[in-house]
Amino acid sequence: MRVLFAGTPEVAVPPLRALLESRHDVVAVLTRPDAPAGRGRKLMPSPVATVAEEAGIEVLKPAKPRDVEFLERLAAIAPDCAPVVAYGGLIPRAALDVPKHGWVNLHFSILPAWRGAAPVQHAVLAGDDVTGACTFQLEEGLDTGPVYGLVTEDIRPTDTSGDLLERLSKSGATLLVRTLDGIEDGSLRAEPQPAEGVSMAPKLTVEDARVDWTAPAMRVDRLIRACTPAPGAWTTFRGERLKLQPVQLERGRDGIAPGEIVVEKNGVRVGTGSHAVVLGDVKAQGKRAMPATDWARGVRPEPGERLGDQAGPA
C-alpha cells in the first residue's frame, strides 16, 4: 500500500524504519514543525523528519493538520492508509476521510486502558504489572476506535517510562507492519473496544512531577520512574530545584522524617511517608547529573535538613 506516516518523537522512529523495510511504500511523512532544542535553542527537525529526509521522503510540517495547504497536499498524495505513532496533534475529519483504509494509530497501552497522551507514564504510576501496544482505527474521539491487534509487555520493578517506551516502540513496530499487511490482504478486521475498563492518561506536567515526600515510598518510586525521562521528577533543596533519577526502595528503614536527608558512606537516604528511599543520580541547577553521594559531599546537608521544604524557582 501507499502510506503516509505520521509521527514526531524518537519513539516513532522504529515503526517508521520498519515500514521503510516492509512491502509498503512510504510516500510521505507528516510530523510536527521544527522546534527549539539544545542549549542554543536552535530550530531542529523532529527525529522522524530527520529519518524521512535521509530516506529521501517528502516531509510535511503543517502548523496544524487542518491547514488548507496540508489537506490539499494530502488529497494529492492520496495514500491508501496513514499509520500514526505519537504525532502530537489531532487529525481533523477532513484528513481522516482521505485514505481509503483510514488512519491506523499505534498506541502504547492495552486499550481501553490509558487513553490519552501519556499511557506508559500512567501505567508505571499506577503500578500496573503489564502494559502493551495496540493498533486501532483512528476516529475523532480520543483513542476510541476499533482495535486491529495488540502486543503485551511486562512492567519490571525498575522500569522507567523511557525503558518501556523503548521496548514497546520495537514490538509495536512489528505489530504496525503486521496490521497494515492484514488490512491490505483483507485478513484483518478491527474489533470494537470493550465498554468496561476505560481509564485516561493525560500528559504529565512539570508540576505533576514534583515529589511529595509525605507519600509512601512506593508512590515516590513510581512517580520518579513514571517521569523519567520526561517531564523529569524533581524536588527542592535550599530553595533550588533538584532533579531526580530513579531511587532504590529500602524496606524497614523507618525513623526518618519525610524529606529528611541522611548521608551515609554507601548512599543518601531520604525519608518518605512510609520508609526511606536511597537517592540515585541527582542534578542541581546549573550542574551536571551526578551520584547523590557526590552531590551530598558538595552541599553537606545539616542534620535534620530536608528535601522539598521550599518551592524554589521554576
Protein backbone atom coordinates (compact mmCIF):
# COMPACT_ATOMS: atom_id res chain seq x y z
CA MET A 1 0.00 0.00 0.00
CA ARG A 2 0.93 3.64 -0.44
CA VAL A 3 1.17 5.06 3.07
CA LEU A 4 1.64 8.43 4.69
CA PHE A 5 3.37 8.03 8.06
CA ALA A 6 2.57 10.49 10.87
CA GLY A 7 4.90 10.73 13.86
CA THR A 8 7.29 13.07 15.66
CA PRO A 9 9.49 11.88 18.59
CA GLU A 10 12.22 9.25 18.84
CA VAL A 11 9.71 6.58 19.88
CA ALA A 12 8.13 6.84 16.41
CA VAL A 13 11.40 6.14 14.60
CA PRO A 14 11.46 2.30 14.93
CA PRO A 15 7.93 2.00 13.44
CA LEU A 16 8.91 4.31 10.58
CA ARG A 17 12.07 2.29 9.88
CA ALA A 18 10.05 -0.94 9.98
CA LEU A 19 7.63 0.45 7.39
CA LEU A 20 10.51 1.59 5.19
CA GLU A 21 11.78 -2.01 5.22
CA SER A 22 8.34 -3.51 4.60
CA ARG A 23 6.48 -4.20 1.36
CA HIS A 24 4.55 -0.95 1.81
CA ASP A 25 5.54 2.28 0.05
CA VAL A 26 6.03 5.23 2.41
CA VAL A 27 5.26 8.11 0.07
CA ALA A 28 5.29 10.96 2.61
CA VAL A 29 5.74 11.74 6.30
CA LEU A 30 3.68 14.09 8.45
CA THR A 31 5.45 15.49 11.52
CA ARG A 32 5.40 18.48 13.85
CA PRO A 33 7.20 21.67 12.80
CA ASP A 34 10.86 22.18 13.72
CA ALA A 35 11.23 23.11 17.39
CA PRO A 36 13.92 24.77 19.54
CA ALA A 37 16.37 22.29 21.06
CA GLY A 38 19.68 22.23 22.90
CA ARG A 39 21.42 24.99 24.80
CA GLY A 40 21.32 27.36 21.85
CA ARG A 41 17.58 26.72 21.34
CA LYS A 42 18.23 26.31 17.64
CA LEU A 43 15.30 25.12 15.50
CA MET A 44 15.75 21.40 14.87
CA PRO A 45 13.70 18.89 12.85
CA SER A 46 11.93 16.10 14.69
CA PRO A 47 13.61 12.65 14.88
CA VAL A 48 11.01 11.35 12.40
CA ALA A 49 11.69 14.23 9.99
CA THR A 50 15.42 13.51 10.13
CA VAL A 51 14.94 9.82 9.23
CA ALA A 52 12.48 10.67 6.44
CA GLU A 53 14.76 13.28 4.92
CA GLU A 54 17.70 10.85 4.98
CA ALA A 55 15.49 8.36 3.12
CA GLY A 56 14.53 10.96 0.52
CA ILE A 57 10.85 11.01 1.50
CA GLU A 58 8.66 14.09 1.30
CA VAL A 59 8.17 15.65 4.76
CA LEU A 60 5.08 17.69 5.62
CA LYS A 61 5.26 20.01 8.64
CA PRO A 62 1.99 21.97 8.88
CA ALA A 63 1.42 24.12 11.95
CA LYS A 64 -1.88 22.27 12.27
CA PRO A 65 -3.14 19.29 10.23
CA ARG A 66 -6.34 21.19 9.42
CA ASP A 67 -4.34 23.77 7.41
CA VAL A 68 -5.74 24.05 3.89
CA GLU A 69 -2.33 23.60 2.25
CA PHE A 70 -1.76 20.31 4.07
CA LEU A 71 -5.24 18.99 3.28
CA GLU A 72 -4.74 19.79 -0.39
CA ARG A 73 -1.36 18.06 -0.44
CA LEU A 74 -2.79 15.03 1.40
CA ALA A 75 -5.54 14.73 -1.19
CA ALA A 76 -2.96 14.95 -3.99
CA ILE A 77 -0.79 12.24 -2.40
CA ALA A 78 -3.89 10.04 -1.96
CA PRO A 79 -2.39 7.45 0.41
CA ASP A 80 -4.14 4.11 0.84
CA CYS A 81 -3.53 4.25 4.60
CA ALA A 82 -1.97 6.61 7.15
CA PRO A 83 -0.25 4.92 10.13
CA VAL A 84 0.24 7.22 13.15
CA VAL A 85 2.71 6.95 16.04
CA ALA A 86 2.91 9.78 18.59
CA TYR A 87 2.31 12.52 16.03
CA GLY A 88 1.29 15.07 18.67
CA GLY A 89 -1.74 16.70 17.03
CA LEU A 90 -5.41 15.98 16.42
CA ILE A 91 -6.25 14.74 12.93
CA PRO A 92 -9.40 16.50 11.65
CA ARG A 93 -12.28 14.74 9.93
CA ALA A 94 -11.30 16.30 6.59
CA ALA A 95 -7.97 14.43 6.80
CA LEU A 96 -9.36 11.23 8.34
CA ASP A 97 -11.59 10.72 5.30
CA VAL A 98 -8.80 10.86 2.69
CA PRO A 99 -7.03 7.46 2.91
CA LYS A 100 -9.08 4.53 1.63
CA HIS A 101 -8.17 2.45 4.70
CA GLY A 102 -8.17 5.37 7.12
CA TRP A 103 -5.59 6.25 9.74
CA VAL A 104 -4.16 3.45 11.90
CA ASN A 105 -2.80 4.54 15.27
CA LEU A 106 -0.13 2.64 17.20
CA HIS A 107 -0.91 3.44 20.84
CA PHE A 108 1.24 2.33 23.77
CA SER A 109 -1.36 0.76 26.03
CA ILE A 110 -3.87 -2.09 26.07
CA LEU A 111 -7.00 -0.19 25.11
CA PRO A 112 -9.38 0.88 26.52
CA ALA A 113 -6.94 1.32 29.41
CA TRP A 114 -4.93 4.54 29.42
CA ARG A 115 -6.41 6.53 26.57
CA GLY A 116 -4.53 9.78 26.07
CA ALA A 117 -1.11 11.37 25.66
CA ALA A 118 0.86 9.57 28.40
CA PRO A 119 -0.28 5.92 28.61
CA VAL A 120 3.08 4.44 29.60
CA GLN A 121 3.72 7.07 32.28
CA HIS A 122 0.31 6.41 33.85
CA ALA A 123 0.78 2.63 33.70
CA VAL A 124 4.03 2.97 35.68
CA LEU A 125 2.49 5.48 38.09
CA ALA A 126 -0.47 3.18 38.75
CA GLY A 127 1.77 0.19 39.45
CA ASP A 128 0.42 -1.91 36.56
CA ASP A 129 2.12 -5.26 36.07
CA VAL A 130 1.51 -5.39 32.31
CA THR A 131 1.15 -2.86 29.53
CA GLY A 132 1.34 -3.16 25.76
CA ALA A 133 0.66 -1.58 22.40
CA CYS A 134 -2.45 -1.57 20.23
CA THR A 135 -3.16 -0.71 16.63
CA PHE A 136 -6.59 0.83 16.13
CA GLN A 137 -8.65 2.77 13.61
CA LEU A 138 -8.33 6.46 14.35
CA GLU A 139 -11.57 8.32 14.99
CA GLU A 140 -12.40 11.84 16.14
CA GLY A 141 -12.81 10.53 19.71
CA LEU A 142 -9.74 10.20 21.95
CA ASP A 143 -8.31 6.70 21.31
CA THR A 144 -11.81 5.24 21.00
CA GLY A 145 -11.58 3.46 17.64
CA PRO A 146 -11.86 -0.29 16.98
CA VAL A 147 -8.70 -2.33 17.61
CA TYR A 148 -6.81 -4.38 14.99
CA GLY A 149 -4.23 -6.06 17.20
CA LEU A 150 -2.07 -5.85 20.31
CA VAL A 151 1.18 -6.94 21.92
CA THR A 152 1.85 -7.07 25.65
CA GLU A 153 4.88 -6.16 27.73
CA ASP A 154 5.63 -6.90 31.39
CA ILE A 155 6.46 -3.87 33.53
CA ARG A 156 9.59 -4.67 35.50
CA PRO A 157 10.06 -3.32 39.05
CA THR A 158 12.79 -0.91 37.96
CA ASP A 159 11.35 0.13 34.58
CA THR A 160 11.17 3.82 33.77
CA SER A 161 8.76 5.16 31.17
CA GLY A 162 11.74 5.53 28.86
CA ASP A 163 12.68 1.86 29.28
CA LEU A 164 9.15 0.72 28.48
CA LEU A 165 8.71 3.04 25.51
CA GLU A 166 11.97 1.79 24.01
CA ARG A 167 10.77 -1.82 24.17
CA LEU A 168 7.23 -1.01 23.04
CA SER A 169 8.42 1.04 20.08
CA LYS A 170 10.21 -2.05 18.76
CA SER A 171 7.47 -4.61 19.40
CA GLY A 172 4.89 -2.05 18.29
CA ALA A 173 6.78 -1.52 15.03
CA THR A 174 6.35 -5.19 14.17
CA LEU A 175 2.68 -5.04 15.15
CA LEU A 176 2.11 -1.99 12.94
CA VAL A 177 3.60 -3.66 9.88
CA ARG A 178 1.55 -6.83 10.51
CA THR A 179 -1.57 -4.69 10.86
CA LEU A 180 -1.01 -2.95 7.53
CA ASP A 181 -0.30 -6.32 5.91
CA GLY A 182 -3.61 -7.67 7.23
CA ILE A 183 -5.54 -4.60 6.12
CA GLU A 184 -4.08 -4.83 2.64
CA ASP A 185 -4.84 -8.53 2.12
CA GLY A 186 -8.22 -8.35 3.85
CA SER A 187 -7.35 -10.86 6.58
CA LEU A 188 -7.72 -8.37 9.45
CA ARG A 189 -10.81 -6.66 10.81
CA ALA A 190 -10.92 -4.14 13.63
CA GLU A 191 -12.98 -5.06 16.71
CA PRO A 192 -14.76 -2.50 18.92
CA GLN A 193 -13.11 -1.72 22.25
CA PRO A 194 -14.75 -3.10 25.41
CA ALA A 195 -17.05 -0.67 27.17
CA GLU A 196 -15.51 -1.57 30.54
CA GLY A 197 -12.02 -0.78 31.79
CA VAL A 198 -11.67 2.72 30.35
CA SER A 199 -9.01 4.89 32.01
CA MET A 200 -7.48 8.18 30.96
CA ALA A 201 -3.82 9.18 30.68
CA PRO A 202 -3.42 12.96 30.30
CA LYS A 203 0.04 14.41 29.76
CA LEU A 204 2.08 14.70 32.96
CA THR A 205 3.08 18.30 33.67
CA VAL A 206 6.21 19.57 35.39
CA GLU A 207 4.13 20.26 38.50
CA ASP A 208 2.82 16.67 38.41
CA ALA A 209 6.46 15.54 38.52
CA ARG A 210 7.23 17.22 41.85
CA VAL A 211 7.88 14.62 44.55
CA ASP A 212 5.72 14.67 47.67
CA TRP A 213 7.93 13.17 50.36
CA THR A 214 4.95 12.59 52.66
CA ALA A 215 3.67 9.99 50.18
CA PRO A 216 4.58 6.31 50.74
CA ALA A 217 7.94 5.19 49.39
CA MET A 218 6.31 3.06 46.70
CA ARG A 219 4.41 6.09 45.40
CA VAL A 220 7.63 8.15 45.35
CA ASP A 221 9.42 5.39 43.44
CA ARG A 222 6.63 5.05 40.88
CA LEU A 223 6.34 8.80 40.32
CA ILE A 224 10.06 9.19 39.66
CA ARG A 225 10.16 6.21 37.29
CA ALA A 226 6.99 7.38 35.51
CA CYS A 227 8.50 10.84 34.95
CA THR A 228 11.84 9.52 33.65
CA PRO A 229 12.96 10.82 31.21
CA ALA A 230 10.10 13.30 30.79
CA PRO A 231 8.90 15.57 32.25
CA GLY A 232 11.58 14.71 34.83
CA ALA A 233 10.93 14.22 38.56
CA TRP A 234 12.16 16.92 40.91
CA THR A 235 12.21 18.28 44.40
CA THR A 236 13.83 21.29 46.07
CA PHE A 237 16.82 21.78 48.35
CA ARG A 238 17.59 25.09 49.99
CA GLY A 239 15.07 26.76 47.71
CA GLU A 240 16.52 25.47 44.44
CA ARG A 241 15.26 22.75 42.17
CA LEU A 242 16.92 19.34 42.30
CA LYS A 243 16.16 16.85 39.51
CA LEU A 244 15.89 13.19 40.47
CA GLN A 245 16.66 9.94 38.72
CA PRO A 246 15.08 6.66 39.97
CA VAL A 247 15.53 5.79 43.63
CA GLN A 248 16.03 2.48 45.40
CA LEU A 249 13.41 1.19 47.82
CA GLU A 250 14.53 0.12 51.29
CA ARG A 251 12.26 -1.97 53.45
CA GLY A 252 12.38 -1.42 57.18
CA ARG A 253 14.29 1.89 57.20
CA ASP A 254 11.93 3.99 59.27
CA GLY A 255 12.56 6.70 61.83
CA ILE A 256 13.48 9.26 59.15
CA ALA A 257 11.05 12.16 58.68
CA PRO A 258 9.52 12.75 55.22
CA GLY A 259 12.10 14.55 53.10
CA GLU A 260 14.83 14.29 55.74
CA ILE A 261 18.29 13.64 54.30
CA VAL A 262 20.60 11.09 55.93
CA VAL A 263 24.05 10.86 54.37
CA GLU A 264 25.83 7.55 54.89
CA LYS A 265 29.01 6.07 53.49
CA ASN A 266 27.21 3.95 50.87
CA GLY A 267 24.30 6.18 49.96
CA VAL A 268 22.00 9.11 50.62
CA ARG A 269 18.71 8.16 52.21
CA VAL A 270 15.58 10.30 52.25
CA GLY A 271 12.51 9.74 54.40
CA THR A 272 9.03 9.33 52.97
CA GLY A 273 5.58 8.76 54.39
CA SER A 274 6.46 5.09 54.96
CA HIS A 275 10.14 4.12 54.84
CA ALA A 276 13.33 5.61 53.41
CA VAL A 277 14.49 5.52 49.81
CA VAL A 278 18.06 5.71 48.54
CA LEU A 279 18.64 8.52 46.04
CA GLY A 280 20.05 7.70 42.61
CA ASP A 281 21.65 10.35 40.41
CA VAL A 282 20.59 13.95 41.01
CA LYS A 283 21.05 17.18 39.09
CA ALA A 284 21.18 20.56 40.80
CA GLN A 285 20.51 23.80 38.93
CA GLY A 286 23.41 24.68 36.66
CA LYS A 287 25.22 21.44 37.45
CA ARG A 288 25.72 18.15 35.66
CA ALA A 289 23.96 15.00 36.82
CA MET A 290 25.93 13.11 39.47
CA PRO A 291 25.55 10.33 42.05
CA ALA A 292 23.73 11.54 45.15
CA THR A 293 26.78 10.79 47.32
CA ASP A 294 28.88 13.22 45.26
CA TRP A 295 26.13 15.85 45.46
CA ALA A 296 25.85 15.43 49.25
CA ARG A 297 29.62 15.70 49.63
CA GLY A 298 29.43 19.12 47.97
CA VAL A 299 26.36 20.59 49.69
CA ARG A 300 26.91 18.97 53.13
CA PRO A 301 23.32 18.75 54.40
CA GLU A 302 22.86 19.74 58.02
CA PRO A 303 21.38 17.18 60.45
CA GLY A 304 17.59 17.18 60.03
CA GLU A 305 17.72 19.18 56.77
CA ARG A 306 15.03 18.12 54.28
CA LEU A 307 14.25 17.97 50.60
CA GLY A 308 11.13 19.76 49.39
CA ASP A 309 10.78 22.33 52.17
CA GLN A 310 10.79 25.33 49.82
CA ALA A 311 9.21 25.86 46.40
CA GLY A 312 12.27 27.05 44.53
CA PRO A 313 12.35 28.74 41.11
CA ALA A 314 10.70 27.30 38.01
